[in-house]
Amino acid sequence: MSRTDTLLLGAADAIDALNDRIGRTTAVLFLATVVICFATVYLRYALGVGMTWLQELYMWTHAAAIMFGAGYCLLKGGFVRIDMFYARMSARHKAMVDLFGTFVFMAPFLWMMAAYGWPFFASSLKMNEASQYADGLPRLYLLKGTFLVFVALVGLQGVSLVCRSLVALRIRPAESGGAA
């Protein structure tokens, strides 16, 4: 294995480790979402007590869990792909599909999310946007900023995928023990 391959795989491993840690930590947000949602429903329908901030909180935790967990989802292969064909492909063909998908589909999508998400976040931050309800949550820009976290984490995982794909394409079929 060349020095370049070692560097590419080292970068991919570091990105994978980051998204793995963030993804596993984010799983707690799903549990929090369920608990907060249950509390909201129980308080409202059993006790007749409605709290807008609590209802908004479970929507925030749910959105944050999805946005923060997207990189982990990509790491674990949870995004859309036609697996019945992909699973039968050689490592080289999988690498070609991954490179194509990353550059043709993922990169433009993430660029669009960043290009439109940044002004969305920045204007909210500039005006210190809060909930439209008096008893709602303040700092709505934090929720809107999760779009940018999504772009960063999925983008990093895309870089990892590209690194691993490039290494897979550089290895000759005889070295990998299989046919191309």
N, C-alpha and C. Protein backbone atom coordinates (compact mmCIF):
# COMPACT_ATOMS: atom_id res chain seq x y z
N MET A 1 0.85 -1.18 0.00
CA MET A 1 0.00 0.00 0.00
C MET A 1 0.89 1.24 0.00
N SER A 2 0.56 2.17 -0.85
CA SER A 2 1.37 3.38 -0.99
C SER A 2 1.12 4.35 0.17
N ARG A 3 1.98 5.33 0.25
CA ARG A 3 1.83 6.38 1.28
C ARG A 3 0.53 7.15 1.06
N THR A 4 0.19 7.40 -0.20
CA THR A 4 -1.05 8.10 -0.52
C THR A 4 -2.26 7.30 -0.03
N ASP A 5 -2.24 6.01 -0.28
CA ASP A 5 -3.34 5.15 0.17
C ASP A 5 -3.46 5.18 1.69
N THR A 6 -2.32 5.13 2.36
CA THR A 6 -2.31 5.17 3.83
C THR A 6 -2.90 6.48 4.34
N LEU A 7 -2.53 7.59 3.70
CA LEU A 7 -3.07 8.90 4.09
C LEU A 7 -4.58 8.98 3.84
N LEU A 8 -5.01 8.49 2.68
CA LEU A 8 -6.44 8.51 2.36
C LEU A 8 -7.24 7.67 3.36
N LEU A 9 -6.73 6.48 3.65
CA LEU A 9 -7.44 5.61 4.61
C LEU A 9 -7.39 6.18 6.02
N GLY A 10 -6.29 6.84 6.39
CA GLY A 10 -6.21 7.49 7.70
C GLY A 10 -7.23 8.60 7.84
N ALA A 11 -7.36 9.41 6.78
CA ALA A 11 -8.37 10.48 6.79
C ALA A 11 -9.77 9.89 6.88
N ALA A 12 -10.02 8.85 6.09
CA ALA A 12 -11.34 8.20 6.11
C ALA A 12 -11.64 7.61 7.49
N ASP A 13 -10.65 6.98 8.11
CA ASP A 13 -10.84 6.41 9.45
C ASP A 13 -11.17 7.49 10.48
N ALA A 14 -10.48 8.64 10.39
CA ALA A 14 -10.74 9.74 11.33
C ALA A 14 -12.16 10.29 11.16
N ILE A 15 -12.58 10.47 9.92
CA ILE A 15 -13.93 10.95 9.65
C ILE A 15 -14.96 9.94 10.13
N ASP A 16 -14.71 8.66 9.84
CA ASP A 16 -15.63 7.61 10.26
C ASP A 16 -15.76 7.58 11.79
N ALA A 17 -14.63 7.73 12.48
CA ALA A 17 -14.66 7.71 13.94
C ALA A 17 -15.46 8.90 14.49
N LEU A 18 -15.29 10.08 13.87
CA LEU A 18 -16.04 11.26 14.29
C LEU A 18 -17.54 11.04 14.11
N ASN A 19 -17.94 10.61 12.92
CA ASN A 19 -19.37 10.41 12.67
C ASN A 19 -19.94 9.26 13.49
N ASP A 20 -19.12 8.26 13.79
CA ASP A 20 -19.58 7.17 14.64
C ASP A 20 -19.87 7.68 16.05
N ARG A 21 -18.95 8.49 16.60
CA ARG A 21 -19.16 9.05 17.94
C ARG A 21 -20.39 9.96 17.97
N ILE A 22 -20.48 10.84 16.98
CA ILE A 22 -21.62 11.76 16.94
C ILE A 22 -22.92 10.99 16.76
N GLY A 23 -22.92 10.00 15.90
CA GLY A 23 -24.13 9.20 15.66
C GLY A 23 -24.59 8.44 16.89
N ARG A 24 -23.66 7.84 17.59
CA ARG A 24 -24.02 7.09 18.80
C ARG A 24 -24.52 8.02 19.90
N THR A 25 -23.92 9.19 19.99
CA THR A 25 -24.36 10.18 20.98
C THR A 25 -25.75 10.72 20.60
N THR A 26 -25.96 10.93 19.33
CA THR A 26 -27.22 11.46 18.83
C THR A 26 -28.39 10.51 19.09
N ALA A 27 -28.11 9.24 19.18
CA ALA A 27 -29.18 8.26 19.43
C ALA A 27 -29.96 8.62 20.69
N VAL A 28 -29.30 9.27 21.63
CA VAL A 28 -29.95 9.69 22.87
C VAL A 28 -31.05 10.72 22.57
N LEU A 29 -30.86 11.51 21.52
CA LEU A 29 -31.88 12.50 21.16
C LEU A 29 -33.19 11.84 20.73
N PHE A 30 -33.11 10.67 20.13
CA PHE A 30 -34.34 9.97 19.75
C PHE A 30 -35.10 9.53 21.00
N LEU A 31 -34.36 9.03 21.98
CA LEU A 31 -35.00 8.65 23.24
C LEU A 31 -35.59 9.89 23.92
N ALA A 32 -34.84 10.97 23.92
CA ALA A 32 -35.35 12.22 24.51
C ALA A 32 -36.62 12.68 23.79
N THR A 33 -36.64 12.55 22.48
CA THR A 33 -37.82 12.94 21.70
C THR A 33 -39.04 12.16 22.14
N VAL A 34 -38.89 10.87 22.30
CA VAL A 34 -40.01 10.02 22.71
C VAL A 34 -40.49 10.40 24.11
N VAL A 35 -39.55 10.57 25.04
CA VAL A 35 -39.91 10.91 26.42
C VAL A 35 -40.59 12.28 26.49
N ILE A 36 -40.04 13.26 25.78
CA ILE A 36 -40.62 14.60 25.80
C ILE A 36 -41.99 14.60 25.14
N CYS A 37 -42.13 13.87 24.05
CA CYS A 37 -43.43 13.79 23.37
C CYS A 37 -44.46 13.14 24.28
N PHE A 38 -44.07 12.06 24.95
CA PHE A 38 -44.99 11.39 25.88
C PHE A 38 -45.40 12.36 26.99
N ALA A 39 -44.43 13.07 27.54
CA ALA A 39 -44.72 14.03 28.62
C ALA A 39 -45.68 15.11 28.14
N THR A 40 -45.45 15.60 26.92
CA THR A 40 -46.31 16.64 26.36
C THR A 40 -47.75 16.15 26.22
N VAL A 41 -47.91 14.97 25.67
CA VAL A 41 -49.25 14.40 25.47
C VAL A 41 -49.92 14.11 26.81
N TYR A 42 -49.17 13.52 27.72
CA TYR A 42 -49.72 13.20 29.04
C TYR A 42 -50.18 14.46 29.77
N LEU A 43 -49.30 15.46 29.80
CA LEU A 43 -49.65 16.71 30.48
C LEU A 43 -50.88 17.37 29.86
N ARG A 44 -50.95 17.36 28.54
CA ARG A 44 -52.04 18.04 27.86
C ARG A 44 -53.36 17.30 28.02
N TYR A 45 -53.35 15.99 27.77
CA TYR A 45 -54.63 15.26 27.73
C TYR A 45 -55.04 14.63 29.06
N ALA A 46 -54.08 14.29 29.89
CA ALA A 46 -54.42 13.70 31.19
C ALA A 46 -54.59 14.77 32.27
N LEU A 47 -53.75 15.80 32.20
CA LEU A 47 -53.77 16.81 33.25
C LEU A 47 -54.30 18.17 32.78
N GLY A 48 -54.52 18.30 31.49
CA GLY A 48 -55.04 19.55 30.96
C GLY A 48 -54.06 20.70 31.00
N VAL A 49 -52.77 20.39 30.99
CA VAL A 49 -51.73 21.42 31.06
C VAL A 49 -50.97 21.42 29.73
N GLY A 50 -51.01 22.53 29.03
CA GLY A 50 -50.29 22.65 27.77
C GLY A 50 -49.08 23.55 27.93
N MET A 51 -47.95 23.10 27.43
CA MET A 51 -46.72 23.91 27.48
C MET A 51 -46.15 23.97 26.08
N THR A 52 -46.22 25.13 25.48
CA THR A 52 -45.74 25.31 24.11
C THR A 52 -44.26 24.98 24.01
N TRP A 53 -43.46 25.44 24.96
CA TRP A 53 -42.03 25.19 24.91
C TRP A 53 -41.70 23.70 24.94
N LEU A 54 -42.50 22.91 25.65
CA LEU A 54 -42.26 21.48 25.72
C LEU A 54 -42.61 20.82 24.39
N GLN A 55 -43.70 21.26 23.78
CA GLN A 55 -44.07 20.73 22.47
C GLN A 55 -43.01 21.09 21.43
N GLU A 56 -42.51 22.31 21.46
CA GLU A 56 -41.45 22.70 20.53
C GLU A 56 -40.16 21.93 20.80
N LEU A 57 -39.90 21.65 22.06
CA LEU A 57 -38.68 20.93 22.42
C LEU A 57 -38.62 19.56 21.78
N TYR A 58 -39.72 18.83 21.75
CA TYR A 58 -39.63 17.50 21.14
C TYR A 58 -39.49 17.61 19.63
N MET A 59 -40.00 18.66 19.03
CA MET A 59 -39.76 18.85 17.59
C MET A 59 -38.29 19.20 17.34
N TRP A 60 -37.71 19.99 18.23
CA TRP A 60 -36.29 20.34 18.10
C TRP A 60 -35.40 19.12 18.27
N THR A 61 -35.67 18.31 19.29
CA THR A 61 -34.82 17.13 19.50
C THR A 61 -34.94 16.16 18.33
N HIS A 62 -36.13 16.03 17.79
CA HIS A 62 -36.32 15.15 16.64
C HIS A 62 -35.56 15.66 15.42
N ALA A 63 -35.68 16.94 15.12
CA ALA A 63 -34.96 17.52 13.99
C ALA A 63 -33.44 17.41 14.18
N ALA A 64 -32.97 17.71 15.38
CA ALA A 64 -31.54 17.63 15.66
C ALA A 64 -31.03 16.20 15.52
N ALA A 65 -31.79 15.23 15.99
CA ALA A 65 -31.38 13.83 15.88
C ALA A 65 -31.23 13.42 14.42
N ILE A 66 -32.15 13.85 13.60
CA ILE A 66 -32.07 13.51 12.17
C ILE A 66 -30.88 14.20 11.52
N MET A 67 -30.71 15.47 11.78
CA MET A 67 -29.63 16.23 11.15
C MET A 67 -28.25 15.78 11.63
N PHE A 68 -28.11 15.56 12.94
CA PHE A 68 -26.82 15.14 13.48
C PHE A 68 -26.51 13.68 13.16
N GLY A 69 -27.53 12.88 12.97
CA GLY A 69 -27.34 11.45 12.71
C GLY A 69 -27.18 11.08 11.25
N ALA A 70 -27.31 12.04 10.34
CA ALA A 70 -27.25 11.74 8.91
C ALA A 70 -25.87 11.23 8.47
N GLY A 71 -24.81 11.80 8.99
CA GLY A 71 -23.47 11.33 8.66
C GLY A 71 -23.26 9.90 9.12
N TYR A 72 -23.76 9.59 10.30
CA TYR A 72 -23.68 8.22 10.83
C TYR A 72 -24.48 7.27 9.94
N CYS A 73 -25.63 7.71 9.49
CA CYS A 73 -26.46 6.90 8.59
C CYS A 73 -25.71 6.58 7.31
N LEU A 74 -25.02 7.56 6.74
CA LEU A 74 -24.23 7.32 5.53
C LEU A 74 -23.07 6.37 5.84
N LEU A 75 -22.44 6.55 6.98
CA LEU A 75 -21.34 5.68 7.39
C LEU A 75 -21.78 4.22 7.44
N LYS A 76 -22.97 3.99 7.94
CA LYS A 76 -23.48 2.62 8.11
C LYS A 76 -24.22 2.10 6.88
N GLY A 77 -24.23 2.88 5.79
CA GLY A 77 -24.86 2.42 4.56
C GLY A 77 -26.37 2.56 4.55
N GLY A 78 -26.90 3.50 5.30
CA GLY A 78 -28.34 3.62 5.42
C GLY A 78 -29.02 4.50 4.39
N PHE A 79 -28.27 5.06 3.45
CA PHE A 79 -28.89 5.90 2.44
C PHE A 79 -29.28 5.08 1.22
N VAL A 80 -30.05 5.68 0.36
CA VAL A 80 -30.63 4.98 -0.78
C VAL A 80 -29.56 4.54 -1.78
N ARG A 81 -29.68 3.29 -2.15
CA ARG A 81 -28.85 2.71 -3.19
C ARG A 81 -29.57 1.44 -3.62
N ILE A 82 -29.37 1.01 -4.82
CA ILE A 82 -30.04 -0.21 -5.27
C ILE A 82 -29.17 -1.39 -4.84
N ASP A 83 -29.40 -1.84 -3.60
CA ASP A 83 -28.53 -2.84 -2.98
C ASP A 83 -28.54 -4.20 -3.66
N MET A 84 -29.63 -4.57 -4.33
CA MET A 84 -29.64 -5.88 -4.96
C MET A 84 -28.60 -5.95 -6.09
N PHE A 85 -28.26 -4.82 -6.70
CA PHE A 85 -27.19 -4.79 -7.70
C PHE A 85 -25.85 -4.50 -7.04
N TYR A 86 -25.84 -3.55 -6.14
CA TYR A 86 -24.61 -3.10 -5.49
C TYR A 86 -23.95 -4.25 -4.73
N ALA A 87 -24.73 -5.04 -4.05
CA ALA A 87 -24.18 -6.14 -3.23
C ALA A 87 -23.43 -7.16 -4.08
N ARG A 88 -23.79 -7.30 -5.35
CA ARG A 88 -23.16 -8.28 -6.23
C ARG A 88 -21.94 -7.73 -6.96
N MET A 89 -21.67 -6.46 -6.79
CA MET A 89 -20.56 -5.83 -7.52
C MET A 89 -19.22 -6.11 -6.85
N SER A 90 -18.17 -6.04 -7.66
CA SER A 90 -16.81 -6.15 -7.13
C SER A 90 -16.48 -4.86 -6.37
N ALA A 91 -15.40 -4.91 -5.61
CA ALA A 91 -14.98 -3.73 -4.84
C ALA A 91 -14.69 -2.55 -5.77
N ARG A 92 -14.10 -2.80 -6.92
CA ARG A 92 -13.81 -1.72 -7.88
C ARG A 92 -15.08 -1.09 -8.41
N HIS A 93 -16.06 -1.92 -8.76
CA HIS A 93 -17.32 -1.39 -9.30
C HIS A 93 -18.10 -0.63 -8.20
N LYS A 94 -18.05 -1.15 -6.98
CA LYS A 94 -18.68 -0.43 -5.87
C LYS A 94 -18.03 0.94 -5.70
N ALA A 95 -16.70 0.98 -5.80
CA ALA A 95 -15.98 2.24 -5.66
C ALA A 95 -16.39 3.22 -6.76
N MET A 96 -16.57 2.72 -7.98
CA MET A 96 -17.00 3.59 -9.08
C MET A 96 -18.41 4.13 -8.84
N VAL A 97 -19.31 3.27 -8.37
CA VAL A 97 -20.67 3.70 -8.06
C VAL A 97 -20.65 4.74 -6.94
N ASP A 98 -19.85 4.49 -5.91
CA ASP A 98 -19.77 5.42 -4.78
C ASP A 98 -19.21 6.78 -5.21
N LEU A 99 -18.17 6.77 -6.04
CA LEU A 99 -17.62 8.03 -6.53
C LEU A 99 -18.64 8.78 -7.39
N PHE A 100 -19.29 8.08 -8.28
CA PHE A 100 -20.30 8.69 -9.14
C PHE A 100 -21.42 9.28 -8.29
N GLY A 101 -21.94 8.51 -7.36
CA GLY A 101 -23.03 8.98 -6.50
C GLY A 101 -22.64 10.17 -5.65
N THR A 102 -21.41 10.15 -5.15
CA THR A 102 -20.95 11.25 -4.30
C THR A 102 -20.83 12.55 -5.08
N PHE A 103 -20.23 12.47 -6.26
CA PHE A 103 -20.00 13.70 -7.04
C PHE A 103 -21.23 14.17 -7.82
N VAL A 104 -22.04 13.24 -8.30
CA VAL A 104 -23.18 13.62 -9.14
C VAL A 104 -24.43 13.92 -8.33
N PHE A 105 -24.62 13.21 -7.22
CA PHE A 105 -25.84 13.40 -6.44
C PHE A 105 -25.60 14.11 -5.10
N MET A 106 -24.67 13.59 -4.31
CA MET A 106 -24.47 14.13 -2.97
C MET A 106 -23.89 15.54 -2.98
N ALA A 107 -22.82 15.76 -3.72
CA ALA A 107 -22.15 17.06 -3.70
C ALA A 107 -23.08 18.21 -4.14
N PRO A 108 -23.81 18.08 -5.24
CA PRO A 108 -24.72 19.18 -5.60
C PRO A 108 -25.83 19.40 -4.56
N PHE A 109 -26.33 18.30 -3.99
CA PHE A 109 -27.36 18.42 -2.97
C PHE A 109 -26.82 19.16 -1.75
N LEU A 110 -25.63 18.80 -1.29
CA LEU A 110 -25.05 19.46 -0.12
C LEU A 110 -24.72 20.92 -0.43
N TRP A 111 -24.25 21.19 -1.64
CA TRP A 111 -23.98 22.57 -2.02
C TRP A 111 -25.26 23.39 -1.94
N MET A 112 -26.35 22.85 -2.48
CA MET A 112 -27.63 23.55 -2.44
C MET A 112 -28.08 23.77 -0.99
N MET A 113 -27.96 22.75 -0.16
CA MET A 113 -28.33 22.88 1.25
C MET A 113 -27.51 23.97 1.94
N ALA A 114 -26.21 24.02 1.65
CA ALA A 114 -25.36 25.04 2.26
C ALA A 114 -25.68 26.43 1.72
N ALA A 115 -25.87 26.51 0.42
CA ALA A 115 -26.13 27.81 -0.21
C ALA A 115 -27.44 28.43 0.28
N TYR A 116 -28.44 27.62 0.48
CA TYR A 116 -29.73 28.14 0.95
C TYR A 116 -29.85 28.09 2.48
N GLY A 117 -29.13 27.18 3.10
CA GLY A 117 -29.21 27.05 4.55
C GLY A 117 -28.47 28.14 5.29
N TRP A 118 -27.35 28.61 4.73
CA TRP A 118 -26.57 29.64 5.41
C TRP A 118 -27.37 30.94 5.59
N PRO A 119 -27.97 31.49 4.53
CA PRO A 119 -28.76 32.72 4.73
C PRO A 119 -29.95 32.50 5.66
N PHE A 120 -30.55 31.32 5.59
CA PHE A 120 -31.66 30.94 6.45
C PHE A 120 -31.23 31.02 7.92
N PHE A 121 -30.06 30.46 8.21
CA PHE A 121 -29.50 30.49 9.55
C PHE A 121 -29.03 31.89 9.94
N ALA A 122 -28.28 32.54 9.05
CA ALA A 122 -27.69 33.85 9.35
C ALA A 122 -28.74 34.91 9.65
N SER A 123 -29.82 34.92 8.89
CA SER A 123 -30.86 35.93 9.15
C SER A 123 -31.55 35.66 10.48
N SER A 124 -31.72 34.40 10.81
CA SER A 124 -32.33 34.04 12.08
C SER A 124 -31.43 34.45 13.25
N LEU A 125 -30.13 34.21 13.08
CA LEU A 125 -29.16 34.60 14.11
C LEU A 125 -29.10 36.11 14.27
N LYS A 126 -29.07 36.81 13.14
CA LYS A 126 -28.97 38.28 13.16
C LYS A 126 -30.13 38.91 13.92
N MET A 127 -31.33 38.37 13.75
CA MET A 127 -32.49 38.96 14.43
C MET A 127 -32.79 38.29 15.77
N ASN A 128 -31.91 37.36 16.17
CA ASN A 128 -32.12 36.62 17.42
C ASN A 128 -33.54 36.03 17.46
N GLU A 129 -33.87 35.35 16.36
CA GLU A 129 -35.22 34.82 16.18
C GLU A 129 -35.60 33.84 17.29
N ALA A 130 -36.83 33.94 17.70
CA ALA A 130 -37.38 33.05 18.74
C ALA A 130 -38.69 32.48 18.22
N SER A 131 -39.28 31.64 19.01
CA SER A 131 -40.57 31.05 18.67
C SER A 131 -41.60 32.14 18.42
N GLN A 132 -42.58 31.84 17.59
CA GLN A 132 -43.65 32.81 17.34
C GLN A 132 -44.60 32.90 18.52
N TYR A 133 -44.48 31.97 19.46
CA TYR A 133 -45.33 31.98 20.66
C TYR A 133 -44.55 32.53 21.84
N ALA A 134 -45.23 33.30 22.67
CA ALA A 134 -44.58 33.93 23.82
C ALA A 134 -43.96 32.92 24.77
N ASP A 135 -44.62 31.77 24.93
CA ASP A 135 -44.08 30.75 25.84
C ASP A 135 -43.30 29.66 25.10
N GLY A 136 -42.88 29.97 23.88
CA GLY A 136 -42.09 29.02 23.08
C GLY A 136 -40.60 29.14 23.37
N LEU A 137 -39.82 28.38 22.63
CA LEU A 137 -38.37 28.37 22.85
C LEU A 137 -37.69 29.56 22.20
N PRO A 138 -36.68 30.11 22.87
CA PRO A 138 -35.90 31.20 22.27
C PRO A 138 -34.83 30.61 21.33
N ARG A 139 -34.07 31.47 20.70
CA ARG A 139 -32.91 31.08 19.88
C ARG A 139 -33.25 30.05 18.80
N LEU A 140 -34.22 30.37 17.98
CA LEU A 140 -34.64 29.50 16.89
C LEU A 140 -33.50 29.24 15.91
N TYR A 141 -32.53 30.15 15.86
CA TYR A 141 -31.39 29.98 14.96
C TYR A 141 -30.61 28.70 15.27
N LEU A 142 -30.66 28.23 16.51
CA LEU A 142 -29.98 26.97 16.83
C LEU A 142 -30.59 25.80 16.05
N LEU A 143 -31.90 25.79 15.99
CA LEU A 143 -32.59 24.76 15.23
C LEU A 143 -32.26 24.89 13.74
N LYS A 144 -32.29 26.11 13.24
CA LYS A 144 -32.00 26.34 11.83
C LYS A 144 -30.54 26.02 11.50
N GLY A 145 -29.66 26.15 12.47
CA GLY A 145 -28.25 25.82 12.27
C GLY A 145 -28.00 24.33 12.10
N THR A 146 -28.97 23.50 12.48
CA THR A 146 -28.77 22.06 12.29
C THR A 146 -28.68 21.69 10.81
N PHE A 147 -29.23 22.53 9.92
CA PHE A 147 -29.06 22.30 8.48
C PHE A 147 -27.58 22.31 8.12
N LEU A 148 -26.86 23.25 8.69
CA LEU A 148 -25.43 23.38 8.38
C LEU A 148 -24.63 22.24 9.00
N VAL A 149 -25.04 21.79 10.17
CA VAL A 149 -24.39 20.62 10.78
C VAL A 149 -24.60 19.40 9.88
N PHE A 150 -25.82 19.25 9.36
CA PHE A 150 -26.12 18.17 8.42
C PHE A 150 -25.17 18.21 7.23
N VAL A 151 -25.03 19.39 6.63
CA VAL A 151 -24.15 19.54 5.47
C VAL A 151 -22.72 19.15 5.82
N ALA A 152 -22.24 19.62 6.97
CA ALA A 152 -20.86 19.34 7.38
C ALA A 152 -20.64 17.85 7.62
N LEU A 153 -21.53 17.21 8.37
CA LEU A 153 -21.32 15.80 8.72
C LEU A 153 -21.50 14.88 7.53
N VAL A 154 -22.51 15.12 6.71
CA VAL A 154 -22.70 14.29 5.52
C VAL A 154 -21.58 14.57 4.51
N GLY A 155 -21.19 15.84 4.40
CA GLY A 155 -20.08 16.18 3.51
C GLY A 155 -18.78 15.50 3.92
N LEU A 156 -18.50 15.51 5.21
CA LEU A 156 -17.30 14.81 5.69
C LEU A 156 -17.38 13.32 5.40
N GLN A 157 -18.55 12.74 5.61
CA GLN A 157 -18.69 11.31 5.35
C GLN A 157 -18.56 11.03 3.85
N GLY A 158 -18.98 11.97 3.02
CA GLY A 158 -18.77 11.86 1.58
C GLY A 158 -17.29 11.87 1.24
N VAL A 159 -16.52 12.71 1.93
CA VAL A 159 -15.06 12.74 1.73
C VAL A 159 -14.46 11.38 2.11
N SER A 160 -14.92 10.80 3.20
CA SER A 160 -14.45 9.48 3.60
C SER A 160 -14.77 8.44 2.53
N LEU A 161 -15.96 8.50 1.99
CA LEU A 161 -16.37 7.57 0.95
C LEU A 161 -15.50 7.73 -0.30
N VAL A 162 -15.19 8.97 -0.66
CA VAL A 162 -14.32 9.23 -1.81
C VAL A 162 -12.92 8.69 -1.54
N CYS A 163 -12.38 8.92 -0.35
CA CYS A 163 -11.05 8.41 0.00
C CYS A 163 -10.98 6.90 -0.13
N ARG A 164 -11.96 6.21 0.45
CA ARG A 164 -11.97 4.75 0.39
C ARG A 164 -12.17 4.25 -1.04
N SER A 165 -12.98 4.95 -1.81
CA SER A 165 -13.21 4.55 -3.20
C SER A 165 -11.95 4.72 -4.04
N LEU A 166 -11.23 5.82 -3.82
CA LEU A 166 -9.99 6.03 -4.57
C LEU A 166 -8.97 4.95 -4.26
N VAL A 167 -8.87 4.57 -3.00
CA VAL A 167 -7.94 3.50 -2.63
C VAL A 167 -8.38 2.18 -3.28
N ALA A 168 -9.66 1.90 -3.25
CA ALA A 168 -10.16 0.67 -3.86
C ALA A 168 -9.88 0.63 -5.36
N LEU A 169 -9.95 1.77 -6.01
CA LEU A 169 -9.68 1.82 -7.45
C LEU A 169 -8.18 1.72 -7.76
N ARG A 170 -7.36 2.13 -6.82
CA ARG A 170 -5.90 2.07 -7.04
C ARG A 170 -5.35 0.67 -6.83
N ILE A 171 -6.03 -0.16 -6.08
CA ILE A 171 -5.55 -1.52 -5.82
C ILE A 171 -5.83 -2.38 -7.04
N ARG A 172 -4.82 -3.07 -7.51
CA ARG A 172 -5.00 -3.95 -8.67
C ARG A 172 -5.79 -5.17 -8.24
N PRO A 173 -6.59 -5.75 -9.13
CA PRO A 173 -7.38 -6.93 -8.79
C PRO A 173 -6.56 -8.05 -8.18
N ALA A 174 -5.32 -8.25 -8.63
CA ALA A 174 -4.49 -9.32 -8.07
C ALA A 174 -4.14 -9.05 -6.61
N GLU A 175 -3.98 -7.75 -6.25
CA GLU A 175 -3.65 -7.40 -4.87
C GLU A 175 -4.82 -7.60 -3.94
N SER A 176 -6.03 -7.36 -4.45
CA SER A 176 -7.21 -7.46 -3.59
C SER A 176 -7.73 -8.88 -3.49
N GLY A 177 -7.19 -9.78 -4.34
CA GLY A 177 -7.59 -11.18 -4.27
C GLY A 177 -8.85 -11.48 -5.07
N GLY A 178 -9.31 -10.53 -5.91
CA GLY A 178 -10.52 -10.78 -6.69
C GLY A 178 -10.42 -10.16 -8.06
N ALA A 179 -11.41 -10.37 -8.85
CA ALA A 179 -11.45 -9.82 -10.19
C ALA A 179 -12.13 -8.45 -10.16
N ALA A 180 -11.79 -7.65 -11.13
CA ALA A 180 -12.38 -6.29 -11.19
C ALA A 180 -13.79 -6.32 -11.64
